């Protein structure tokens, strides 16, 4: 099993309130196997790791960028930090994150879009 992990940010109410969306995609199926929303820190990486199904935590090899929070949380036997040119994190970053931003206007970095609060 191989998964690719990446994170992207958006904000809530104002740009000073950044929220990070952490994702893990199964390399073979393209399915999202884990999601966590939180800070870009060790606790965020830990939230993503804990949201993975047990079989992925026990068996999968996790490809990430060199963000040190991943190294602090994912066991060394399961973790492979790679550069962007390796292509090992491209599907997660390029295919999913870059496709998601135009479709969900709240995730666009410089947005002119808005959404309504439902009560």
C-alpha atoms as a PDB file:
ATOM      1  CA  UNK A   1       0.000   0.000   0.000  1.00  0.00           C
ATOM      2  CA  UNK A   2       1.182   3.476  -0.850  1.00  0.00           C
ATOM      3  CA  UNK A   3      -0.354   6.789   0.203  1.00  0.00           C
ATOM      4  CA  UNK A   4       0.498  10.364  -0.619  1.00  0.00           C
ATOM      5  CA  UNK A   5       0.075  13.069   1.989  1.00  0.00           C
ATOM      6  CA  UNK A   6      -0.162  16.796   1.433  1.00  0.00           C
ATOM      7  CA  UNK A   7      -1.698  19.862   3.002  1.00  0.00           C
ATOM      8  CA  UNK A   8      -3.259  23.070   1.715  1.00  0.00           C
ATOM      9  CA  UNK A   9      -4.562  26.133   3.476  1.00  0.00           C
ATOM     10  CA  UNK A  10      -7.674  28.240   3.451  1.00  0.00           C
ATOM     11  CA  UNK A  11      -8.995  30.731   5.936  1.00  0.00           C
ATOM     12  CA  UNK A  12     -12.113  31.207   8.025  1.00  0.00           C
ATOM     13  CA  UNK A  13     -13.564  34.736   8.289  1.00  0.00           C
ATOM     14  CA  UNK A  14     -10.227  36.487   7.647  1.00  0.00           C
ATOM     15  CA  UNK A  15      -6.771  35.645   6.317  1.00  0.00           C
ATOM     16  CA  UNK A  16      -5.372  35.801   9.829  1.00  0.00           C
ATOM     17  CA  UNK A  17      -7.344  32.644  10.659  1.00  0.00           C
ATOM     18  CA  UNK A  18      -5.612  30.107   8.411  1.00  0.00           C
ATOM     19  CA  UNK A  19      -6.810  26.527   8.542  1.00  0.00           C
ATOM     20  CA  UNK A  20      -4.850  23.687   7.006  1.00  0.00           C
ATOM     21  CA  UNK A  21      -6.546  20.807   5.230  1.00  0.00           C
ATOM     22  CA  UNK A  22      -4.389  17.697   5.527  1.00  0.00           C
ATOM     23  CA  UNK A  23      -5.081  14.923   2.991  1.00  0.00           C
ATOM     24  CA  UNK A  24      -3.926  11.361   2.426  1.00  0.00           C
ATOM     25  CA  UNK A  25      -4.687   9.706  -0.921  1.00  0.00           C
ATOM     26  CA  UNK A  26      -4.291   6.052  -1.792  1.00  0.00           C
ATOM     27  CA  UNK A  27      -1.837   6.031  -4.693  1.00  0.00           C
ATOM     28  CA  UNK A  28      -3.418   3.050  -6.453  1.00  0.00           C
ATOM     29  CA  UNK A  29      -7.103   3.956  -6.205  1.00  0.00           C
ATOM     30  CA  UNK A  30      -6.922   7.762  -5.903  1.00  0.00           C
ATOM     31  CA  UNK A  31      -9.326   7.597  -2.961  1.00  0.00           C
ATOM     32  CA  UNK A  32      -9.053   9.979  -0.048  1.00  0.00           C
ATOM     33  CA  UNK A  33      -8.268   7.719   2.889  1.00  0.00           C
ATOM     34  CA  UNK A  34      -7.812  10.415   5.559  1.00  0.00           C
ATOM     35  CA  UNK A  35      -8.590  14.092   6.122  1.00  0.00           C
ATOM     36  CA  UNK A  36      -7.781  16.395   9.000  1.00  0.00           C
ATOM     37  CA  UNK A  37      -8.389  20.137   9.401  1.00  0.00           C
ATOM     38  CA  UNK A  38      -6.130  21.978  11.810  1.00  0.00           C
ATOM     39  CA  UNK A  39      -2.868  23.823  12.234  1.00  0.00           C
ATOM     40  CA  UNK A  40       0.224  23.299  10.085  1.00  0.00           C
ATOM     41  CA  UNK A  41       2.152  21.809  12.945  1.00  0.00           C
ATOM     42  CA  UNK A  42       3.012  18.524  14.550  1.00  0.00           C
ATOM     43  CA  UNK A  43      -0.530  18.315  15.957  1.00  0.00           C
ATOM     44  CA  UNK A  44      -1.966  18.663  12.448  1.00  0.00           C
ATOM     45  CA  UNK A  45       0.285  15.931  11.077  1.00  0.00           C
ATOM     46  CA  UNK A  46      -0.653  13.768  14.046  1.00  0.00           C
ATOM     47  CA  UNK A  47      -4.356  14.420  13.375  1.00  0.00           C
ATOM     48  CA  UNK A  48      -3.907  13.210   9.795  1.00  0.00           C
ATOM     49  CA  UNK A  49      -1.958  10.141  10.932  1.00  0.00           C
ATOM     50  CA  UNK A  50      -4.602   9.262  13.533  1.00  0.00           C
ATOM     51  CA  UNK A  51      -7.428   9.689  10.993  1.00  0.00           C
ATOM     52  CA  UNK A  52      -5.884   7.012   8.749  1.00  0.00           C
ATOM     53  CA  UNK A  53      -7.549   3.604   8.957  1.00  0.00           C
ATOM     54  CA  UNK A  54      -5.475   1.179  11.036  1.00  0.00           C
ATOM     55  CA  UNK A  55      -4.467  -0.937   8.051  1.00  0.00           C
ATOM     56  CA  UNK A  56      -2.804   2.100   6.432  1.00  0.00           C
ATOM     57  CA  UNK A  57      -0.972   3.023   9.648  1.00  0.00           C
ATOM     58  CA  UNK A  58       0.318  -0.546   9.908  1.00  0.00           C
ATOM     59  CA  UNK A  59       1.131  -1.346   6.276  1.00  0.00           C
ATOM     60  CA  UNK A  60       1.279   1.695   4.000  1.00  0.00           C
ATOM     61  CA  UNK A  61       4.318   3.617   2.861  1.00  0.00           C
ATOM     62  CA  UNK A  62       3.600   7.360   3.141  1.00  0.00           C
ATOM     63  CA  UNK A  63       5.147   9.745   0.635  1.00  0.00           C
ATOM     64  CA  UNK A  64       5.290  13.362   1.796  1.00  0.00           C
ATOM     65  CA  UNK A  65       7.217  16.539   1.153  1.00  0.00           C
ATOM     66  CA  UNK A  66      10.010  17.506   3.526  1.00  0.00           C
ATOM     67  CA  UNK A  67       7.738  19.277   6.045  1.00  0.00           C
ATOM     68  CA  UNK A  68       9.269  18.263   9.376  1.00  0.00           C
ATOM     69  CA  UNK A  69       5.920  17.649  11.085  1.00  0.00           C
ATOM     70  CA  UNK A  70       5.523  14.492   8.990  1.00  0.00           C
ATOM     71  CA  UNK A  71       8.922  13.208  10.159  1.00  0.00           C
ATOM     72  CA  UNK A  72       7.926  13.793  13.781  1.00  0.00           C
ATOM     73  CA  UNK A  73       4.698  11.777  13.516  1.00  0.00           C
ATOM     74  CA  UNK A  74       4.974   9.076  10.841  1.00  0.00           C
ATOM     75  CA  UNK A  75       7.198   6.126  11.856  1.00  0.00           C
ATOM     76  CA  UNK A  76      10.477   6.039   9.915  1.00  0.00           C
ATOM     77  CA  UNK A  77       9.681   2.583   8.553  1.00  0.00           C
ATOM     78  CA  UNK A  78       6.504   3.990   6.925  1.00  0.00           C
ATOM     79  CA  UNK A  79       7.716   7.456   5.846  1.00  0.00           C
ATOM     80  CA  UNK A  80       9.428   8.572   2.625  1.00  0.00           C
ATOM     81  CA  UNK A  81      10.099  12.319   2.296  1.00  0.00           C
ATOM     82  CA  UNK A  82      10.570  13.185  -1.378  1.00  0.00           C
ATOM     83  CA  UNK A  83      11.017  16.297  -3.504  1.00  0.00           C
ATOM     84  CA  UNK A  84       8.414  17.600  -5.912  1.00  0.00           C
ATOM     85  CA  UNK A  85      10.366  16.375  -8.927  1.00  0.00           C
ATOM     86  CA  UNK A  86      10.078  12.766  -7.763  1.00  0.00           C
ATOM     87  CA  UNK A  87       6.407  12.690  -8.771  1.00  0.00           C
ATOM     88  CA  UNK A  88       5.535  10.729  -5.628  1.00  0.00           C
ATOM     89  CA  UNK A  89       3.316  13.507  -4.198  1.00  0.00           C
ATOM     90  CA  UNK A  90       2.113  15.066  -7.468  1.00  0.00           C
ATOM     91  CA  UNK A  91      -1.261  13.300  -7.703  1.00  0.00           C
ATOM     92  CA  UNK A  92      -2.220  14.483  -4.244  1.00  0.00           C
ATOM     93  CA  UNK A  93      -0.996  18.022  -4.727  1.00  0.00           C
ATOM     94  CA  UNK A  94      -1.633  18.678  -8.404  1.00  0.00           C
ATOM     95  CA  UNK A  95      -4.554  16.479  -9.285  1.00  0.00           C
ATOM     96  CA  UNK A  96      -6.581  16.820  -6.130  1.00  0.00           C
ATOM     97  CA  UNK A  97      -5.681  20.123  -4.446  1.00  0.00           C
ATOM     98  CA  UNK A  98      -5.435  22.127  -7.658  1.00  0.00           C
ATOM     99  CA  UNK A  99      -8.683  20.632  -8.947  1.00  0.00           C
ATOM    100  CA  UNK A 100     -10.472  21.303  -5.675  1.00  0.00           C
ATOM    101  CA  UNK A 101      -9.653  25.026  -5.460  1.00  0.00           C
ATOM    102  CA  UNK A 102     -11.652  26.139  -8.543  1.00  0.00           C
ATOM    103  CA  UNK A 103     -14.593  23.957  -7.551  1.00  0.00           C
ATOM    104  CA  UNK A 104     -14.845  25.056  -3.921  1.00  0.00           C
ATOM    105  CA  UNK A 105     -14.646  28.833  -3.921  1.00  0.00           C
ATOM    106  CA  UNK A 106     -13.818  29.088  -0.212  1.00  0.00           C
ATOM    107  CA  UNK A 107     -10.508  27.309  -0.861  1.00  0.00           C
ATOM    108  CA  UNK A 108      -9.341  29.848  -3.445  1.00  0.00           C
ATOM    109  CA  UNK A 109      -6.465  31.851  -1.997  1.00  0.00           C
ATOM    110  CA  UNK A 110      -7.379  35.268  -3.409  1.00  0.00           C
ATOM    111  CA  UNK A 111     -11.095  34.880  -3.522  1.00  0.00           C
ATOM    112  CA  UNK A 112     -13.818  37.156  -4.738  1.00  0.00           C
ATOM    113  CA  UNK A 113     -16.253  34.436  -3.881  1.00  0.00           C
ATOM    114  CA  UNK A 114     -18.341  34.219  -0.776  1.00  0.00           C
ATOM    115  CA  UNK A 115     -20.520  31.685   0.890  1.00  0.00           C
ATOM    116  CA  UNK A 116     -23.482  32.083   3.162  1.00  0.00           C
ATOM    117  CA  UNK A 117     -23.698  30.864   6.690  1.00  0.00           C
ATOM    118  CA  UNK A 118     -26.595  28.463   7.084  1.00  0.00           C
ATOM    119  CA  UNK A 119     -28.449  28.637  10.376  1.00  0.00           C
END
